[in-house]
Amino acid sequence: MIIVMSPEATEDQLAHLVEVIEGAGLKAHVSRGTERTIVGAIGNEAKIQQVPFMAIPGVESCMPIVKPYKLAGREFNKEKTKIKIRDIEIGGKEVVVVGGPCSVEPNDTLIQTARAIKKAGAKMLRGGAFKPRTSPYDFMGMAEDGLKLLADAREETGLAVVTEVMDTRDVELVYKYADAFQIGTRNAQNFNLLKEVGKYDKPVFLKRGMSMLIKEFLMAAEYVISQGNNDVIMVERGIRTFETATRNTLDVAAVAVLGVETHLPVFVDPSHAAGDHRFVNALSRASVACGCDGLLVEVHPNPEKAMSDGAQTLKFSKFEQLMDEIRPVAEAVGRSV
């Protein structure tokens, strides 16, 4: 149930409503907008029907939530959610670009990349300290040593840091070093992991599963939000289809659909969609034109020597070109970079 508070409602009345909801064995989720405060009552439908919401002081109106993604959907929050990561606003007018190598490597690659992407205009640094790989014999990342390198790069450049967490046992460790969690495509329906990061107060970049329906993608976000963490960023990274010309098929339409279905910011990862550096810039332009709130791009000083995903990774000069190419596209759709 969505309960809309009147503009004159007091904090005490809001607290009383939350107390009533929780006393009925339901969960209360408060969303403060610019004009209205909205409270979601989530749980057993029979229990919801028994609560006389309209009799509670401060309540202006209430309506049932039809979609299965109660908290991630537009029904719950008509306003676009804006997420703060350090001094960066995600979901606002600016298209935020996140760059970095696929894996944090045991050399100076990360700091070189951090300096280069910041100079080009990126706002965040990405890099995998824990790397899920198809083969158990491939490089799996540097774990905490990699997290320390990410923190060092942030200290020098001021770039916010996002890195993937793969296991519930590592959430506390990643929380210690990173500014945001990333949930990778292979863990997009790892419900225990989704619930665990939902208990923390750091944003979550949630990548779409390689065979996920958009409804399933939104339900994955619901798992995170249901635990109290409302700061979820949806990341379209291509889905598995019959086509083999690219690593995955970038579902640009998903950006438009998510813009209607959810209030959460939407990013695109053109690198994993393309699987080939030659296509990354074009997919980035298309994604910005379609309305994405940001991009996740793989960048490395020497992709030929990258320890993972070199084929889809941009050199510094190509990344600078990407930034130059998306700026006029962003301006054409009323955004900035």
C-alpha atoms as a PDB file:
ATOM      1  CA  MET A   1       0.000   0.000   0.000  1.00  0.00           C
ATOM      2  CA  ILE A   2       1.197   3.522  -0.806  1.00  0.00           C
ATOM      3  CA  ILE A   3       0.291   6.069   1.855  1.00  0.00           C
ATOM      4  CA  VAL A   4       0.667   9.739   0.917  1.00  0.00           C
ATOM      5  CA  MET A   5       1.143  12.145   3.818  1.00  0.00           C
ATOM      6  CA  SER A   6      -0.445  15.571   3.670  1.00  0.00           C
ATOM      7  CA  PRO A   7       1.913  18.576   3.247  1.00  0.00           C
ATOM      8  CA  GLU A   8       1.030  19.662   6.795  1.00  0.00           C
ATOM      9  CA  ALA A   9       1.793  16.276   8.373  1.00  0.00           C
ATOM     10  CA  THR A  10       4.194  16.463  11.310  1.00  0.00           C
ATOM     11  CA  GLU A  11       7.163  14.250  12.095  1.00  0.00           C
ATOM     12  CA  ASP A  12       5.236  12.858  15.044  1.00  0.00           C
ATOM     13  CA  GLN A  13       2.360  11.863  12.772  1.00  0.00           C
ATOM     14  CA  LEU A  14       4.791  10.204  10.360  1.00  0.00           C
ATOM     15  CA  ALA A  15       6.434   8.336  13.238  1.00  0.00           C
ATOM     16  CA  HIS A  16       3.005   7.223  14.462  1.00  0.00           C
ATOM     17  CA  LEU A  17       2.093   5.890  11.009  1.00  0.00           C
ATOM     18  CA  VAL A  18       5.348   3.920  10.840  1.00  0.00           C
ATOM     19  CA  GLU A  19       4.636   2.545  14.313  1.00  0.00           C
ATOM     20  CA  VAL A  20       1.153   1.415  13.242  1.00  0.00           C
ATOM     21  CA  ILE A  21       2.498  -0.261  10.111  1.00  0.00           C
ATOM     22  CA  GLU A  22       5.235  -2.113  11.962  1.00  0.00           C
ATOM     23  CA  GLY A  23       2.845  -3.004  14.763  1.00  0.00           C
ATOM     24  CA  ALA A  24       0.692  -4.774  12.173  1.00  0.00           C
ATOM     25  CA  GLY A  25       3.624  -6.981  11.220  1.00  0.00           C
ATOM     26  CA  LEU A  26       4.390  -5.022   8.040  1.00  0.00           C
ATOM     27  CA  LYS A  27       7.468  -3.143   6.829  1.00  0.00           C
ATOM     28  CA  ALA A  28       7.376   0.635   6.461  1.00  0.00           C
ATOM     29  CA  HIS A  29       9.481   2.363   3.798  1.00  0.00           C
ATOM     30  CA  VAL A  30       9.582   6.160   3.907  1.00  0.00           C
ATOM     31  CA  SER A  31      10.351   8.207   0.787  1.00  0.00           C
ATOM     32  CA  ARG A  32      10.678  11.977   1.209  1.00  0.00           C
ATOM     33  CA  GLY A  33       9.996  13.889  -1.990  1.00  0.00           C
ATOM     34  CA  THR A  34      10.162  17.613  -2.681  1.00  0.00           C
ATOM     35  CA  GLU A  35       6.410  18.027  -2.202  1.00  0.00           C
ATOM     36  CA  ARG A  36       5.155  14.917  -0.442  1.00  0.00           C
ATOM     37  CA  THR A  37       6.332  12.205   1.913  1.00  0.00           C
ATOM     38  CA  ILE A  38       5.242   8.747   0.817  1.00  0.00           C
ATOM     39  CA  VAL A  39       5.197   5.664   2.996  1.00  0.00           C
ATOM     40  CA  GLY A  40       5.077   2.162   1.597  1.00  0.00           C
ATOM     41  CA  ALA A  41       3.416  -0.515   3.706  1.00  0.00           C
ATOM     42  CA  ILE A  42       4.875  -3.814   2.503  1.00  0.00           C
ATOM     43  CA  GLY A  43       3.926  -7.323   3.533  1.00  0.00           C
ATOM     44  CA  ASN A  44       1.004  -9.695   3.743  1.00  0.00           C
ATOM     45  CA  GLU A  45      -1.936  -8.317   1.748  1.00  0.00           C
ATOM     46  CA  ALA A  46      -4.499  -9.519   4.285  1.00  0.00           C
ATOM     47  CA  LYS A  47      -2.728  -7.632   7.069  1.00  0.00           C
ATOM     48  CA  ILE A  48      -2.521  -4.498   4.913  1.00  0.00           C
ATOM     49  CA  GLN A  49      -6.270  -4.559   4.327  1.00  0.00           C
ATOM     50  CA  GLN A  50      -6.909  -4.637   8.066  1.00  0.00           C
ATOM     51  CA  VAL A  51      -5.123  -1.340   8.792  1.00  0.00           C
ATOM     52  CA  PRO A  52      -7.411   1.763   8.643  1.00  0.00           C
ATOM     53  CA  PHE A  53      -4.794   4.022   7.057  1.00  0.00           C
ATOM     54  CA  MET A  54      -7.203   6.865   6.237  1.00  0.00           C
ATOM     55  CA  ALA A  55      -8.110   7.179   9.923  1.00  0.00           C
ATOM     56  CA  ILE A  56      -4.502   7.906  10.897  1.00  0.00           C
ATOM     57  CA  PRO A  57      -3.717  11.630  11.426  1.00  0.00           C
ATOM     58  CA  GLY A  58      -1.587  13.181   8.709  1.00  0.00           C
ATOM     59  CA  VAL A  59      -2.567  10.705   5.979  1.00  0.00           C
ATOM     60  CA  GLU A  60      -3.888  12.368   2.821  1.00  0.00           C
ATOM     61  CA  SER A  61      -4.543   9.350   0.619  1.00  0.00           C
ATOM     62  CA  CYS A  62      -3.616   5.726   0.063  1.00  0.00           C
ATOM     63  CA  MET A  63      -3.652   3.348  -2.880  1.00  0.00           C
ATOM     64  CA  PRO A  64      -2.673  -0.265  -3.487  1.00  0.00           C
ATOM     65  CA  ILE A  65       0.537  -1.122  -5.326  1.00  0.00           C
ATOM     66  CA  VAL A  66      -0.299  -3.278  -8.333  1.00  0.00           C
ATOM     67  CA  LYS A  67       3.197  -4.159  -9.615  1.00  0.00           C
ATOM     68  CA  PRO A  68       5.129  -6.964  -7.868  1.00  0.00           C
ATOM     69  CA  TYR A  69       8.146  -4.656  -7.449  1.00  0.00           C
ATOM     70  CA  LYS A  70       6.522  -2.580  -4.730  1.00  0.00           C
ATOM     71  CA  LEU A  71       9.438  -0.332  -3.752  1.00  0.00           C
ATOM     72  CA  ALA A  72      11.432  -0.214  -6.985  1.00  0.00           C
ATOM     73  CA  GLY A  73       8.430   0.779  -9.117  1.00  0.00           C
ATOM     74  CA  ARG A  74       7.164   4.194 -10.171  1.00  0.00           C
ATOM     75  CA  GLU A  75       3.951   3.588  -8.272  1.00  0.00           C
ATOM     76  CA  PHE A  76       5.853   3.942  -5.016  1.00  0.00           C
ATOM     77  CA  ASN A  77       7.830   7.025  -6.040  1.00  0.00           C
ATOM     78  CA  LYS A  78       6.805   9.231  -8.953  1.00  0.00           C
ATOM     79  CA  GLU A  79       9.932  11.353  -8.571  1.00  0.00           C
ATOM     80  CA  LYS A  80      13.285  10.191  -9.949  1.00  0.00           C
ATOM     81  CA  THR A  81      15.544   9.007  -7.157  1.00  0.00           C
ATOM     82  CA  LYS A  82      18.819  10.922  -6.842  1.00  0.00           C
ATOM     83  CA  ILE A  83      21.701   9.132  -5.182  1.00  0.00           C
ATOM     84  CA  LYS A  84      24.724  10.810  -3.610  1.00  0.00           C
ATOM     85  CA  ILE A  85      28.127   9.126  -3.761  1.00  0.00           C
ATOM     86  CA  ARG A  86      30.597  11.433  -2.049  1.00  0.00           C
ATOM     87  CA  ASP A  87      30.060  14.730  -3.951  1.00  0.00           C
ATOM     88  CA  ILE A  88      28.483  13.091  -7.030  1.00  0.00           C
ATOM     89  CA  GLU A  89      24.752  13.143  -7.751  1.00  0.00           C
ATOM     90  CA  ILE A  90      23.472  10.180  -9.738  1.00  0.00           C
ATOM     91  CA  GLY A  91      20.042  10.432 -11.332  1.00  0.00           C
ATOM     92  CA  GLY A  92      20.191  14.191 -11.858  1.00  0.00           C
ATOM     93  CA  LYS A  93      20.924  16.211 -14.973  1.00  0.00           C
ATOM     94  CA  GLU A  94      24.518  15.017 -15.313  1.00  0.00           C
ATOM     95  CA  VAL A  95      25.393  11.756 -17.057  1.00  0.00           C
ATOM     96  CA  VAL A  96      27.997  10.250 -14.738  1.00  0.00           C
ATOM     97  CA  VAL A  97      30.815   8.236 -16.280  1.00  0.00           C
ATOM     98  CA  VAL A  98      32.611   5.512 -14.322  1.00  0.00           C
ATOM     99  CA  GLY A  99      35.856   4.180 -15.771  1.00  0.00           C
ATOM    100  CA  GLY A 100      38.619   1.781 -14.884  1.00  0.00           C
ATOM    101  CA  PRO A 101      40.179  -1.610 -15.570  1.00  0.00           C
ATOM    102  CA  CYS A 102      38.187  -4.814 -15.389  1.00  0.00           C
ATOM    103  CA  SER A 103      40.526  -6.124 -12.664  1.00  0.00           C
ATOM    104  CA  VAL A 104      42.717  -4.365 -10.149  1.00  0.00           C
ATOM    105  CA  GLU A 105      46.205  -5.561 -11.093  1.00  0.00           C
ATOM    106  CA  PRO A 106      49.394  -5.901  -8.999  1.00  0.00           C
ATOM    107  CA  ASN A 107      51.145  -2.966 -10.678  1.00  0.00           C
ATOM    108  CA  ASP A 108      50.568   0.769 -11.257  1.00  0.00           C
ATOM    109  CA  THR A 109      47.800   0.235 -13.836  1.00  0.00           C
ATOM    110  CA  LEU A 110      45.033   1.400 -11.515  1.00  0.00           C
ATOM    111  CA  ILE A 111      46.567   4.719 -10.502  1.00  0.00           C
ATOM    112  CA  GLN A 112      47.585   5.474 -14.101  1.00  0.00           C
ATOM    113  CA  THR A 113      44.006   4.825 -15.176  1.00  0.00           C
ATOM    114  CA  ALA A 114      42.516   6.861 -12.341  1.00  0.00           C
ATOM    115  CA  ARG A 115      44.583   9.891 -13.311  1.00  0.00           C
ATOM    116  CA  ALA A 116      43.697   9.542 -16.996  1.00  0.00           C
ATOM    117  CA  ILE A 117      39.942   9.093 -16.593  1.00  0.00           C
ATOM    118  CA  LYS A 118      39.697  11.980 -14.146  1.00  0.00           C
ATOM    119  CA  LYS A 119      41.489  14.233 -16.622  1.00  0.00           C
ATOM    120  CA  ALA A 120      39.015  13.144 -19.317  1.00  0.00           C
ATOM    121  CA  GLY A 121      35.989  13.923 -17.108  1.00  0.00           C
ATOM    122  CA  ALA A 122      35.014  10.670 -15.386  1.00  0.00           C
ATOM    123  CA  LYS A 123      33.651  10.978 -11.846  1.00  0.00           C
ATOM    124  CA  MET A 124      34.163   7.464 -10.483  1.00  0.00           C
ATOM    125  CA  LEU A 125      36.750   4.689 -10.636  1.00  0.00           C
ATOM    126  CA  ARG A 126      35.805   1.049 -11.114  1.00  0.00           C
ATOM    127  CA  GLY A 127      37.954  -2.037 -10.757  1.00  0.00           C
ATOM    128  CA  GLY A 128      37.407  -5.610  -9.638  1.00  0.00           C
ATOM    129  CA  ALA A 129      39.254  -6.736  -6.511  1.00  0.00           C
ATOM    130  CA  PHE A 130      37.242  -9.973  -6.600  1.00  0.00           C
ATOM    131  CA  LYS A 131      36.715 -11.299 -10.108  1.00  0.00           C
ATOM    132  CA  PRO A 132      34.138 -13.960 -11.036  1.00  0.00           C
ATOM    133  CA  ARG A 133      35.548 -15.815 -14.026  1.00  0.00           C
ATOM    134  CA  THR A 134      34.128 -18.502 -16.271  1.00  0.00           C
ATOM    135  CA  SER A 135      37.280 -20.589 -15.872  1.00  0.00           C
ATOM    136  CA  PRO A 136      38.515 -21.496 -12.372  1.00  0.00           C
ATOM    137  CA  TYR A 137      42.096 -21.172 -13.689  1.00  0.00           C
ATOM    138  CA  ASP A 138      41.849 -17.491 -14.691  1.00  0.00           C
ATOM    139  CA  PHE A 139      42.992 -14.544 -12.583  1.00  0.00           C
ATOM    140  CA  MET A 140      40.509 -14.105  -9.730  1.00  0.00           C
ATOM    141  CA  GLY A 141      41.561 -10.712  -8.423  1.00  0.00           C
ATOM    142  CA  MET A 142      43.676  -9.409  -5.543  1.00  0.00           C
ATOM    143  CA  ALA A 143      40.982  -9.396  -2.818  1.00  0.00           C
ATOM    144  CA  GLU A 144      41.832  -7.012   0.062  1.00  0.00           C
ATOM    145  CA  ASP A 145      45.122  -5.937  -1.515  1.00  0.00           C
ATOM    146  CA  GLY A 146      43.110  -4.822  -4.532  1.00  0.00           C
ATOM    147  CA  LEU A 147      40.670  -2.936  -2.316  1.00  0.00           C
ATOM    148  CA  LYS A 148      43.595  -1.104  -0.728  1.00  0.00           C
ATOM    149  CA  LEU A 149      44.852  -0.051  -4.164  1.00  0.00           C
ATOM    150  CA  LEU A 150      41.388   1.308  -4.986  1.00  0.00           C
ATOM    151  CA  ALA A 151      41.374   3.282  -1.739  1.00  0.00           C
ATOM    152  CA  ASP A 152      44.859   4.641  -2.502  1.00  0.00           C
ATOM    153  CA  ALA A 153      43.723   5.762  -5.965  1.00  0.00           C
ATOM    154  CA  ARG A 154      40.735   7.529  -4.408  1.00  0.00           C
ATOM    155  CA  GLU A 155      43.020   9.251  -1.922  1.00  0.00           C
ATOM    156  CA  GLU A 156      45.213  10.648  -4.699  1.00  0.00           C
ATOM    157  CA  THR A 157      42.597  11.552  -7.305  1.00  0.00           C
ATOM    158  CA  GLY A 158      39.414  12.169  -5.307  1.00  0.00           C
ATOM    159  CA  LEU A 159      37.475   9.759  -7.533  1.00  0.00           C
ATOM    160  CA  ALA A 160      34.755   7.752  -5.802  1.00  0.00           C
ATOM    161  CA  VAL A 161      35.279   3.983  -5.983  1.00  0.00           C
ATOM    162  CA  VAL A 162      32.915   1.147  -6.924  1.00  0.00           C
ATOM    163  CA  THR A 163      33.904  -2.510  -6.878  1.00  0.00           C
ATOM    164  CA  GLU A 164      32.166  -5.855  -7.092  1.00  0.00           C
ATOM    165  CA  VAL A 165      31.226  -7.926  -4.065  1.00  0.00           C
ATOM    166  CA  MET A 166      30.643 -11.619  -4.757  1.00  0.00           C
ATOM    167  CA  ASP A 167      30.025 -13.232  -1.397  1.00  0.00           C
ATOM    168  CA  THR A 168      28.017 -12.349   1.702  1.00  0.00           C
ATOM    169  CA  ARG A 169      31.181 -13.003   3.720  1.00  0.00           C
ATOM    170  CA  ASP A 170      33.009 -10.188   1.890  1.00  0.00           C
ATOM    171  CA  VAL A 171      30.371  -7.448   2.197  1.00  0.00           C
ATOM    172  CA  GLU A 172      31.810  -5.980   5.396  1.00  0.00           C
ATOM    173  CA  LEU A 173      35.313  -5.919   3.893  1.00  0.00           C
ATOM    174  CA  VAL A 174      34.210  -4.212   0.658  1.00  0.00           C
ATOM    175  CA  TYR A 175      32.113  -1.758   2.683  1.00  0.00           C
ATOM    176  CA  LYS A 176      35.281  -0.735   4.540  1.00  0.00           C
ATOM    177  CA  TYR A 177      37.088   0.357   1.361  1.00  0.00           C
ATOM    178  CA  ALA A 178      34.569   1.194  -1.386  1.00  0.00           C
ATOM    179  CA  ASP A 179      32.080   4.034  -1.873  1.00  0.00           C
ATOM    180  CA  ALA A 180      29.587   1.744  -3.609  1.00  0.00           C
ATOM    181  CA  PHE A 181      28.962  -1.963  -4.085  1.00  0.00           C
ATOM    182  CA  GLN A 182      28.613  -3.614  -7.473  1.00  0.00           C
ATOM    183  CA  ILE A 183      26.569  -6.783  -7.893  1.00  0.00           C
ATOM    184  CA  GLY A 184      27.645  -8.563 -11.062  1.00  0.00           C
ATOM    185  CA  THR A 185      25.489 -10.289 -13.621  1.00  0.00           C
ATOM    186  CA  ARG A 186      26.216 -13.759 -12.210  1.00  0.00           C
ATOM    187  CA  ASN A 187      24.952 -12.683  -8.788  1.00  0.00           C
ATOM    188  CA  ALA A 188      21.939 -10.696  -9.960  1.00  0.00           C
ATOM    189  CA  GLN A 189      19.656 -13.349  -8.465  1.00  0.00           C
ATOM    190  CA  ASN A 190      21.857 -14.304  -5.541  1.00  0.00           C
ATOM    191  CA  PHE A 191      19.107 -13.307  -3.132  1.00  0.00           C
ATOM    192  CA  ASN A 192      21.153 -13.767   0.034  1.00  0.00           C
ATOM    193  CA  LEU A 193      23.810 -11.399  -1.317  1.00  0.00           C
ATOM    194  CA  LEU A 194      21.189  -8.886  -2.467  1.00  0.00           C
ATOM    195  CA  LYS A 195      19.600  -8.885   0.984  1.00  0.00           C
ATOM    196  CA  GLU A 196      22.993  -8.530   2.665  1.00  0.00           C
ATOM    197  CA  VAL A 197      24.072  -5.406   0.739  1.00  0.00           C
ATOM    198  CA  GLY A 198      20.557  -4.079   1.378  1.00  0.00           C
ATOM    199  CA  LYS A 199      21.440  -3.853   5.067  1.00  0.00           C
ATOM    200  CA  TYR A 200      24.275  -1.387   4.436  1.00  0.00           C
ATOM    201  CA  ASP A 201      24.204   2.348   3.805  1.00  0.00           C
ATOM    202  CA  LYS A 202      26.188   2.426   0.572  1.00  0.00           C
ATOM    203  CA  PRO A 203      24.769   2.549  -2.976  1.00  0.00           C
ATOM    204  CA  VAL A 204      24.510  -0.633  -5.025  1.00  0.00           C
ATOM    205  CA  PHE A 205      25.248  -0.851  -8.753  1.00  0.00           C
ATOM    206  CA  LEU A 206      23.063  -3.813  -9.736  1.00  0.00           C
ATOM    207  CA  LYS A 207      23.927  -5.380 -13.087  1.00  0.00           C
ATOM    208  CA  ARG A 208      21.235  -7.112 -15.079  1.00  0.00           C
ATOM    209  CA  GLY A 209      21.547 -10.876 -15.284  1.00  0.00           C
ATOM    210  CA  MET A 210      22.567 -12.114 -18.707  1.00  0.00           C
ATOM    211  CA  SER A 211      19.180 -13.821 -19.253  1.00  0.00           C
ATOM    212  CA  MET A 212      16.996 -11.651 -17.023  1.00  0.00           C
ATOM    213  CA  LEU A 213      13.606 -10.262 -17.910  1.00  0.00           C
ATOM    214  CA  ILE A 214      13.171  -6.616 -16.937  1.00  0.00           C
ATOM    215  CA  LYS A 215      10.577  -7.695 -14.377  1.00  0.00           C
ATOM    216  CA  GLU A 216      13.118 -10.062 -12.809  1.00  0.00           C
ATOM    217  CA  PHE A 217      15.716  -7.282 -12.862  1.00  0.00           C
ATOM    218  CA  LEU A 218      13.377  -4.991 -10.933  1.00  0.00           C
ATOM    219  CA  MET A 219      12.539  -7.773  -8.483  1.00  0.00           C
ATOM    220  CA  ALA A 220      16.267  -8.168  -7.806  1.00  0.00           C
ATOM    221  CA  ALA A 221      16.385  -4.455  -6.918  1.00  0.00           C
ATOM    222  CA  GLU A 222      13.379  -5.053  -4.696  1.00  0.00           C
ATOM    223  CA  TYR A 223      15.393  -7.523  -2.628  1.00  0.00           C
ATOM    224  CA  VAL A 224      17.978  -4.825  -1.876  1.00  0.00           C
ATOM    225  CA  ILE A 225      15.465  -2.076  -1.136  1.00  0.00           C
ATOM    226  CA  SER A 226      13.331  -4.330   1.042  1.00  0.00           C
ATOM    227  CA  GLN A 227      16.206  -4.466   3.532  1.00  0.00           C
ATOM    228  CA  GLY A 228      16.319  -0.684   3.897  1.00  0.00           C
ATOM    229  CA  ASN A 229      18.877   0.403   1.285  1.00  0.00           C
ATOM    230  CA  ASN A 230      17.008   2.574  -1.229  1.00  0.00           C
ATOM    231  CA  ASP A 231      20.125   3.562  -3.209  1.00  0.00           C
ATOM    232  CA  VAL A 232      20.101   1.081  -6.076  1.00  0.00           C
ATOM    233  CA  ILE A 233      21.461   1.884  -9.538  1.00  0.00           C
ATOM    234  CA  MET A 234      20.212  -0.385 -12.318  1.00  0.00           C
ATOM    235  CA  VAL A 235      22.907  -1.353 -14.849  1.00  0.00           C
ATOM    236  CA  GLU A 236      21.994  -2.694 -18.295  1.00  0.00           C
ATOM    237  CA  ARG A 237      25.029  -4.625 -19.580  1.00  0.00           C
ATOM    238  CA  GLY A 238      23.648  -6.618 -22.457  1.00  0.00           C
ATOM    239  CA  ILE A 239      21.751  -9.882 -22.485  1.00  0.00           C
ATOM    240  CA  ARG A 240      22.449 -13.277 -24.017  1.00  0.00           C
ATOM    241  CA  THR A 241      20.735 -13.775 -27.373  1.00  0.00           C
ATOM    242  CA  PHE A 242      21.371 -15.855 -30.504  1.00  0.00           C
ATOM    243  CA  GLU A 243      23.655 -13.109 -31.893  1.00  0.00           C
ATOM    244  CA  THR A 244      27.410 -13.733 -31.676  1.00  0.00           C
ATOM    245  CA  ALA A 245      28.806 -10.602 -33.353  1.00  0.00           C
ATOM    246  CA  THR A 246      29.012  -8.976 -29.925  1.00  0.00           C
ATOM    247  CA  ARG A 247      29.682 -10.506 -26.523  1.00  0.00           C
ATOM    248  CA  ASN A 248      26.117  -9.719 -25.464  1.00  0.00           C
ATOM    249  CA  THR A 249      23.216  -7.860 -27.063  1.00  0.00           C
ATOM    250  CA  LEU A 250      22.846  -4.383 -25.583  1.00  0.00           C
ATOM    251  CA  ASP A 251      19.166  -3.882 -24.776  1.00  0.00           C
ATOM    252  CA  VAL A 252      18.950  -0.125 -25.305  1.00  0.00           C
ATOM    253  CA  ALA A 253      15.172  -0.424 -25.089  1.00  0.00           C
ATOM    254  CA  ALA A 254      15.607  -1.508 -21.456  1.00  0.00           C
ATOM    255  CA  VAL A 255      16.880   1.985 -20.645  1.00  0.00           C
ATOM    256  CA  ALA A 256      13.646   3.489 -21.923  1.00  0.00           C
ATOM    257  CA  VAL A 257      11.470   0.852 -20.249  1.00  0.00           C
ATOM    258  CA  LEU A 258      13.222   1.225 -16.900  1.00  0.00           C
ATOM    259  CA  GLY A 259      12.799   4.981 -17.164  1.00  0.00           C
ATOM    260  CA  VAL A 260       9.048   4.388 -17.100  1.00  0.00           C
ATOM    261  CA  GLU A 261       8.877   1.429 -14.717  1.00  0.00           C
ATOM    262  CA  THR A 262      11.236   2.552 -11.962  1.00  0.00           C
ATOM    263  CA  HIS A 263      12.308   5.696 -10.134  1.00  0.00           C
ATOM    264  CA  LEU A 264      15.847   4.300  -9.772  1.00  0.00           C
ATOM    265  CA  PRO A 265      18.767   5.640 -11.848  1.00  0.00           C
ATOM    266  CA  VAL A 266      19.772   3.582 -14.886  1.00  0.00           C
ATOM    267  CA  PHE A 267      23.337   3.038 -16.095  1.00  0.00           C
ATOM    268  CA  VAL A 268      24.683   1.185 -19.130  1.00  0.00           C
ATOM    269  CA  ASP A 269      27.842  -0.922 -19.348  1.00  0.00           C
ATOM    270  CA  PRO A 270      28.747  -0.767 -23.063  1.00  0.00           C
ATOM    271  CA  SER A 271      32.011  -2.653 -22.548  1.00  0.00           C
ATOM    272  CA  HIS A 272      30.440  -5.958 -21.474  1.00  0.00           C
ATOM    273  CA  ALA A 273      27.690  -5.567 -24.033  1.00  0.00           C
ATOM    274  CA  ALA A 274      30.135  -5.079 -26.898  1.00  0.00           C
ATOM    275  CA  GLY A 275      32.966  -7.396 -25.935  1.00  0.00           C
ATOM    276  CA  ASP A 276      34.948  -5.450 -28.546  1.00  0.00           C
ATOM    277  CA  HIS A 277      36.507  -2.026 -27.984  1.00  0.00           C
ATOM    278  CA  ARG A 278      35.584  -0.944 -31.518  1.00  0.00           C
ATOM    279  CA  PHE A 279      31.880  -0.793 -30.623  1.00  0.00           C
ATOM    280  CA  VAL A 280      32.025   0.741 -27.138  1.00  0.00           C
ATOM    281  CA  ASN A 281      31.879   4.399 -28.188  1.00  0.00           C
ATOM    282  CA  ALA A 282      28.908   3.884 -30.505  1.00  0.00           C
ATOM    283  CA  LEU A 283      26.967   1.984 -27.836  1.00  0.00           C
ATOM    284  CA  SER A 284      27.793   4.737 -25.347  1.00  0.00           C
ATOM    285  CA  ARG A 285      26.380   7.415 -27.635  1.00  0.00           C
ATOM    286  CA  ALA A 286      23.221   5.378 -28.177  1.00  0.00           C
ATOM    287  CA  SER A 287      22.789   4.812 -24.429  1.00  0.00           C
ATOM    288  CA  VAL A 288      23.104   8.503 -23.586  1.00  0.00           C
ATOM    289  CA  ALA A 289      20.666   9.380 -26.364  1.00  0.00           C
ATOM    290  CA  CYS A 290      18.192   6.881 -24.918  1.00  0.00           C
ATOM    291  CA  GLY A 291      18.330   8.540 -21.499  1.00  0.00           C
ATOM    292  CA  CYS A 292      20.757   6.619 -19.304  1.00  0.00           C
ATOM    293  CA  ASP A 293      22.026   8.309 -16.157  1.00  0.00           C
ATOM    294  CA  GLY A 294      25.565   7.055 -16.526  1.00  0.00           C
ATOM    295  CA  LEU A 295      28.053   4.684 -18.110  1.00  0.00           C
ATOM    296  CA  LEU A 296      30.405   2.003 -16.778  1.00  0.00           C
ATOM    297  CA  VAL A 297      33.376   1.792 -19.151  1.00  0.00           C
ATOM    298  CA  GLU A 298      36.464  -0.406 -18.994  1.00  0.00           C
ATOM    299  CA  VAL A 299      39.724   1.531 -19.457  1.00  0.00           C
ATOM    300  CA  HIS A 300      43.374   0.405 -19.280  1.00  0.00           C
ATOM    301  CA  PRO A 301      46.722   1.941 -20.319  1.00  0.00           C
ATOM    302  CA  ASN A 302      47.574  -1.155 -22.360  1.00  0.00           C
ATOM    303  CA  PRO A 303      44.547  -3.393 -23.024  1.00  0.00           C
ATOM    304  CA  GLU A 304      46.745  -5.981 -24.752  1.00  0.00           C
ATOM    305  CA  LYS A 305      48.345  -6.715 -21.390  1.00  0.00           C
ATOM    306  CA  ALA A 306      45.181  -6.447 -19.272  1.00  0.00           C
ATOM    307  CA  MET A 307      44.700  -9.437 -16.963  1.00  0.00           C
ATOM    308  CA  SER A 308      41.033  -9.697 -17.968  1.00  0.00           C
ATOM    309  CA  ASP A 309      38.675  -8.436 -20.695  1.00  0.00           C
ATOM    310  CA  GLY A 310      41.355  -6.667 -22.730  1.00  0.00           C
ATOM    311  CA  ALA A 311      39.416  -7.020 -25.998  1.00  0.00           C
ATOM    312  CA  GLN A 312      36.592  -4.773 -24.778  1.00  0.00           C
ATOM    313  CA  THR A 313      38.775  -2.273 -22.929  1.00  0.00           C
ATOM    314  CA  LEU A 314      39.544   1.242 -24.157  1.00  0.00           C
ATOM    315  CA  LYS A 315      42.956   2.871 -24.268  1.00  0.00           C
ATOM    316  CA  PHE A 316      43.210   6.300 -22.666  1.00  0.00           C
ATOM    317  CA  SER A 317      43.010   8.107 -26.010  1.00  0.00           C
ATOM    318  CA  LYS A 318      39.875   6.182 -27.004  1.00  0.00           C
ATOM    319  CA  PHE A 319      38.275   6.959 -23.651  1.00  0.00           C
ATOM    320  CA  GLU A 320      38.985  10.672 -24.121  1.00  0.00           C
ATOM    321  CA  GLN A 321      37.339  10.388 -27.540  1.00  0.00           C
ATOM    322  CA  LEU A 322      34.303   8.702 -25.947  1.00  0.00           C
ATOM    323  CA  MET A 323      33.905  11.578 -23.482  1.00  0.00           C
ATOM    324  CA  ASP A 324      34.120  14.109 -26.327  1.00  0.00           C
ATOM    325  CA  GLU A 325      31.541  12.181 -28.358  1.00  0.00           C
ATOM    326  CA  ILE A 326      28.905  11.797 -25.641  1.00  0.00           C
ATOM    327  CA  ARG A 327      28.925  15.443 -24.519  1.00  0.00           C
ATOM    328  CA  PRO A 328      26.966  16.808 -27.518  1.00  0.00           C
ATOM    329  CA  VAL A 329      24.611  13.826 -27.339  1.00  0.00           C
ATOM    330  CA  ALA A 330      23.910  14.565 -23.693  1.00  0.00           C
ATOM    331  CA  GLU A 331      23.298  18.225 -24.459  1.00  0.00           C
ATOM    332  CA  ALA A 332      20.875  17.276 -27.240  1.00  0.00           C
ATOM    333  CA  VAL A 333      18.685  15.422 -24.715  1.00  0.00           C
ATOM    334  CA  GLY A 334      18.922  18.091 -22.015  1.00  0.00           C
ATOM    335  CA  ARG A 335      21.738  16.525 -20.007  1.00  0.00           C
ATOM    336  CA  SER A 336      25.400  17.245 -19.353  1.00  0.00           C
ATOM    337  CA  VAL A 337      28.582  15.227 -18.855  1.00  0.00           C
END
